[in-house]
Protein backbone atom coordinates (compact mmCIF):
# COMPACT_ATOMS: atom_id res chain seq x y z
CA MET A 1 -6.67 66.75 40.11
CA SER A 2 -2.81 68.51 40.79
CA GLU A 3 -0.44 68.65 37.89
CA SER A 4 1.54 64.94 37.37
CA LYS A 5 5.67 66.20 37.82
CA LEU A 6 6.26 63.02 35.81
CA ALA A 7 4.55 64.12 32.64
CA GLY A 8 6.05 67.77 33.16
CA GLN A 9 9.58 65.74 33.72
CA PHE A 10 8.89 63.34 29.90
CA PHE A 11 7.86 67.18 28.48
CA ASP A 12 10.98 68.39 29.57
CA ALA A 13 13.11 65.36 28.31
CA ALA A 14 11.34 65.01 24.66
CA ILE A 15 11.57 69.09 24.34
CA GLY A 16 15.73 68.89 25.55
CA LEU A 17 16.13 66.33 22.64
CA LEU A 18 14.30 68.04 19.87
CA GLN A 19 16.46 70.93 20.85
CA ARG A 20 19.77 68.81 20.91
CA VAL A 21 18.31 67.69 17.51
CA ARG A 22 17.97 70.69 16.33
CA ASP A 23 21.00 72.63 16.49
CA GLU A 24 23.22 69.65 15.49
CA GLU A 25 21.78 67.89 13.38
CA ALA A 26 20.99 70.76 10.79
CA ASP A 27 23.72 70.17 8.40
CA GLY A 28 22.46 67.07 8.35
CA ILE A 29 18.33 67.81 7.82
CA ALA A 30 19.41 70.04 4.93
CA ALA A 31 21.02 67.38 3.12
CA ALA A 32 18.37 64.82 3.47
CA GLY A 33 16.03 67.17 2.65
CA GLY A 34 18.63 67.39 -0.96
CA LEU A 35 18.43 64.46 -1.45
CA ILE A 36 14.80 63.97 -1.62
CA ALA A 37 14.36 67.25 -3.61
CA ASP A 38 16.99 65.99 -6.19
CA ALA A 39 15.27 62.45 -6.53
CA VAL A 40 11.53 64.69 -7.08
CA ALA A 41 13.45 66.92 -9.35
CA SER A 42 14.81 64.32 -11.88
CA GLY A 43 11.87 62.03 -11.83
CA ASN A 44 12.71 59.52 -9.46
CA ARG A 45 11.06 58.28 -6.42
CA LEU A 46 10.78 58.58 -2.35
CA PHE A 47 10.51 55.47 -0.16
CA ALA A 48 10.72 55.40 3.93
CA PHE A 49 10.90 52.15 5.80
CA GLY A 50 11.14 51.23 9.38
CA ALA A 51 10.04 48.09 11.49
CA GLY A 52 8.42 47.82 14.70
CA HIS A 53 7.89 50.93 16.21
CA SER A 54 10.75 52.72 14.15
CA SER A 55 7.86 52.18 11.58
CA LEU A 56 5.41 54.76 12.61
CA PRO A 57 7.38 58.00 11.77
CA ALA A 58 7.75 56.56 8.37
CA GLN A 59 4.36 55.84 7.66
CA ASP A 60 3.83 59.26 8.89
CA VAL A 61 5.19 60.66 5.64
CA VAL A 62 3.12 59.01 3.62
CA TYR A 63 -0.03 59.86 2.27
CA ARG A 64 0.20 62.51 4.49
CA ALA A 65 -1.90 66.28 4.72
CA GLY A 66 0.96 68.70 4.12
CA GLY A 67 3.52 66.04 3.34
CA LEU A 68 4.84 65.22 -0.34
CA ALA A 69 1.77 62.68 -2.04
CA LEU A 70 5.38 60.89 -3.35
CA MET A 71 6.75 59.42 -0.11
CA ASN A 72 5.78 55.56 -0.32
CA PHE A 73 6.28 52.91 2.46
CA LEU A 74 7.96 50.26 2.14
CA ALA A 75 6.49 47.55 4.00
CA VAL A 76 8.29 44.45 4.91
CA PRO A 77 5.39 41.78 5.95
CA GLY A 78 5.35 41.35 9.51
CA THR A 79 7.41 44.20 10.71
CA ALA A 80 4.74 47.46 9.84
CA GLY A 81 4.69 47.96 13.87
CA VAL A 82 2.54 45.66 16.03
CA ASP A 83 0.34 44.44 13.16
CA VAL A 84 1.20 40.84 14.11
CA MET A 85 0.69 37.84 16.70
CA PRO A 86 2.49 37.58 18.46
CA ALA A 87 3.83 40.98 18.38
CA THR A 88 7.54 39.26 19.46
CA LEU A 89 7.36 37.83 15.95
CA GLY A 90 7.82 40.98 13.98
CA SER A 91 11.18 41.83 16.55
CA ALA A 92 12.44 38.15 15.87
CA LEU A 93 12.01 39.09 11.72
CA GLU A 94 13.68 42.16 12.37
CA ARG A 95 17.11 39.47 12.58
CA VAL A 96 16.55 37.35 9.78
CA ASP A 97 18.98 37.51 6.80
CA GLY A 98 18.15 38.07 3.23
CA LEU A 99 15.01 39.13 4.23
CA ALA A 100 15.56 42.95 3.22
CA GLY A 101 17.18 42.14 -0.23
CA ALA A 102 13.89 39.98 -1.15
CA VAL A 103 11.67 42.69 -0.34
CA LEU A 104 14.13 45.39 -2.00
CA ASP A 105 14.22 43.21 -5.48
CA SER A 106 9.86 42.78 -5.40
CA SER A 107 9.40 46.22 -4.92
CA PRO A 108 9.70 49.28 -7.59
CA ALA A 109 12.57 50.96 -6.20
CA THR A 110 15.46 51.73 -8.45
CA ALA A 111 18.72 53.51 -8.95
CA GLY A 112 18.54 57.01 -8.38
CA ASP A 113 15.67 57.03 -6.03
CA VAL A 114 15.46 57.71 -2.25
CA LEU A 115 15.04 55.14 0.58
CA VAL A 116 14.90 56.55 4.13
CA ILE A 117 15.80 53.75 6.40
CA ILE A 118 14.49 54.56 10.63
CA SER A 119 15.83 52.23 12.89
CA LEU A 120 16.24 53.62 16.45
CA SER A 121 19.01 50.78 17.46
CA GLY A 122 20.32 50.45 13.58
CA ARG A 123 21.52 47.02 14.96
CA ASN A 124 19.67 44.53 13.38
CA SER A 125 20.09 41.98 10.47
CA LEU A 126 17.09 43.89 8.58
CA PRO A 127 17.95 47.65 8.52
CA VAL A 128 21.91 46.52 8.07
CA GLU A 129 20.71 44.94 5.62
CA MET A 130 18.35 47.03 3.59
CA ALA A 131 20.96 50.00 3.50
CA LEU A 132 23.54 47.27 1.95
CA ASN A 133 20.96 46.11 -0.43
CA ALA A 134 19.48 49.82 -1.44
CA ARG A 135 22.99 51.53 -2.26
CA ALA A 136 24.08 48.23 -4.24
CA LEU A 137 20.95 49.27 -6.60
CA GLY A 138 22.01 52.62 -6.68
CA LEU A 139 19.53 54.25 -4.47
CA LYS A 140 20.51 57.20 -1.86
CA VAL A 141 19.83 56.08 1.58
CA VAL A 142 19.13 58.57 4.88
CA GLY A 143 19.32 56.58 8.10
CA VAL A 144 17.55 57.71 11.18
CA THR A 145 18.94 56.20 13.66
CA SER A 146 20.68 56.83 17.44
CA VAL A 147 24.14 57.04 17.24
CA ALA A 148 24.19 56.06 20.17
CA TYR A 149 23.75 52.36 20.36
CA THR A 150 26.76 52.12 17.86
CA THR A 151 29.05 52.59 21.29
CA GLY A 152 26.47 51.39 23.79
CA THR A 153 25.73 48.07 22.34
CA ARG A 154 27.22 45.06 19.60
CA SER A 155 25.36 44.36 16.24
CA ARG A 156 23.38 41.85 15.09
CA HIS A 157 24.58 41.73 11.60
CA ALA A 158 27.16 39.67 10.00
CA SER A 159 29.43 42.63 8.94
CA GLY A 160 29.18 43.47 12.86
CA THR A 161 28.12 46.90 11.27
CA PHE A 162 25.41 49.39 11.91
CA LEU A 163 22.92 50.95 9.86
CA LYS A 164 24.69 54.47 10.18
CA ASP A 165 27.55 53.09 7.71
CA HIS A 166 26.06 52.70 4.92
CA CYS A 167 24.26 55.75 4.57
CA ASP A 168 24.54 58.47 2.17
CA VAL A 169 23.01 60.81 4.89
CA VAL A 170 23.05 59.65 8.65
CA LEU A 171 20.87 61.89 11.52
CA ASP A 172 21.59 61.01 14.93
CA SER A 173 18.15 61.20 17.11
CA LYS A 174 19.88 61.29 20.28
CA ILE A 175 17.98 58.60 21.61
CA ALA A 176 19.70 56.67 24.73
CA VAL A 177 20.17 53.47 24.74
CA GLY A 178 17.07 51.63 26.02
CA ASP A 179 14.74 54.56 24.64
CA ALA A 180 13.05 55.46 27.98
CA GLU A 181 13.75 59.08 29.72
CA LEU A 182 12.46 58.79 32.92
CA THR A 183 13.28 56.29 36.13
CA LEU A 184 11.55 56.37 40.02
CA ASP A 185 11.94 55.00 43.04
CA GLY A 186 9.63 52.09 43.24
CA ILE A 187 9.58 51.50 39.64
CA GLU A 188 12.09 49.04 38.64
CA ALA A 189 12.20 49.31 34.68
CA PRO A 190 12.71 52.74 33.25
CA PHE A 191 9.99 54.06 30.82
CA ALA A 192 8.52 56.75 28.80
CA PRO A 193 10.14 56.66 25.15
CA ALA A 194 10.51 59.13 23.18
CA SER A 195 11.71 57.91 20.14
CA THR A 196 8.99 58.56 18.22
CA VAL A 197 8.14 62.17 18.76
CA VAL A 198 11.79 62.88 17.92
CA THR A 199 11.72 60.56 14.97
CA SER A 200 8.49 61.54 13.54
CA ALA A 201 9.88 65.52 13.98
CA ILE A 202 13.17 64.61 12.25
CA MET A 203 10.89 63.48 9.36
CA GLN A 204 8.96 66.31 9.05
CA ALA A 205 11.80 68.70 9.22
CA VAL A 206 13.08 66.92 6.22
CA MET A 207 10.48 67.04 4.73
CA ALA A 208 9.87 70.77 5.12
CA ALA A 209 13.58 71.51 3.70
CA ALA A 210 13.03 68.88 1.12
CA ALA A 211 9.60 71.40 -0.06
CA GLU A 212 12.45 74.27 0.48
CA GLN A 213 14.85 72.97 -2.06
CA LEU A 214 12.54 72.40 -4.25
CA VAL A 215 10.79 76.16 -4.32
CA ALA A 216 14.45 76.92 -4.93
CA ARG A 217 14.77 75.68 -8.29
CA GLY A 218 11.49 77.16 -9.09
CA ILE A 219 9.55 73.38 -8.18
CA GLU A 220 6.42 73.29 -7.07
CA PRO A 221 6.56 70.75 -4.34
CA PRO A 222 3.99 67.93 -5.30
CA LEU A 223 2.11 68.17 -1.36
CA LEU A 224 -1.25 66.85 -0.23
CA ARG A 225 -3.74 68.62 1.75
CA SER A 226 -5.97 67.44 4.17
CA GLY A 227 -9.07 66.22 2.92
CA ASN A 228 -10.96 67.31 5.90
CA VAL A 229 -10.47 71.06 4.18
CA ASP A 230 -12.58 72.30 1.22
CA GLY A 231 -11.25 71.57 -1.99
CA GLY A 232 -9.15 68.67 -0.53
CA HIS A 233 -10.37 66.27 -2.49
CA GLU A 234 -9.82 68.07 -5.69
CA TRP A 235 -6.30 68.90 -5.01
CA ASN A 236 -5.33 65.62 -4.08
CA GLY A 237 -6.58 64.24 -6.69
CA ARG A 238 -5.13 66.58 -9.41
CA VAL A 239 -1.45 65.67 -7.32
CA LEU A 240 -1.89 62.01 -7.71
CA THR A 241 -2.85 61.74 -11.05
CA GLU A 242 0.01 63.94 -12.04
CA TYR A 243 2.24 61.76 -10.17
CA GLY A 244 0.65 58.40 -10.43
CA ASP A 245 3.72 56.97 -11.97
CA ARG A 246 5.50 57.50 -8.90
CA ILE A 247 3.12 56.88 -5.75
CA PHE A 248 2.39 53.39 -5.06
CA PHE A 249 -0.21 53.48 -2.27
CA ARG A 250 -3.21 54.49 -4.27
CA HIS A 251 -3.51 51.64 -6.13
């Protein structure tokens, strides 16, 4: 079977976006890594949040081989991926006012912690309120979003603001409004979204920057190893025990 022209075009588009992020967001990624390193060094906690498909890059850095053991997933029931029926309910919950505050109030997050909020559009009530409430509680907020949506769409939050307006550091994924990289005559809708590929790469780059800064301060990054290599379970057991008061997914 011959190579798919469209498959190649998608790879080219994704690589192009990754290159743009590398070139244009380097300072922001280093700054986000610095906030995470600060929290690790000072005894604070790390959280990541995303709703719908934006939850996937958040989950990708939690309990992950080669990742920071201290990163916790801040879950909002009904919005983590497409785990509800019907799937459209998750999208509806992103527009509910007050949900973010209730989740934060019942979470272990406190002042000095870091919360990474991932939202492609950054326009819905849930991520906007999550950022607003987190900063009011004294958390540092890193937003991973597409800044293009702030001029290409209207906010759904009562304030008229977007996620990027309430963050200590904003990382722009460069994804175009609509999140589809390809079009073809005979296909009515654009297709081949790249936001998960790019946003997951951003998250891993931030974790790498944090580890780099911790080492520069003389601190061993609390990293997990793969459980599928010899000694991995024993290593992880030690890390989870040492940092157990800041790890909430182990209970």
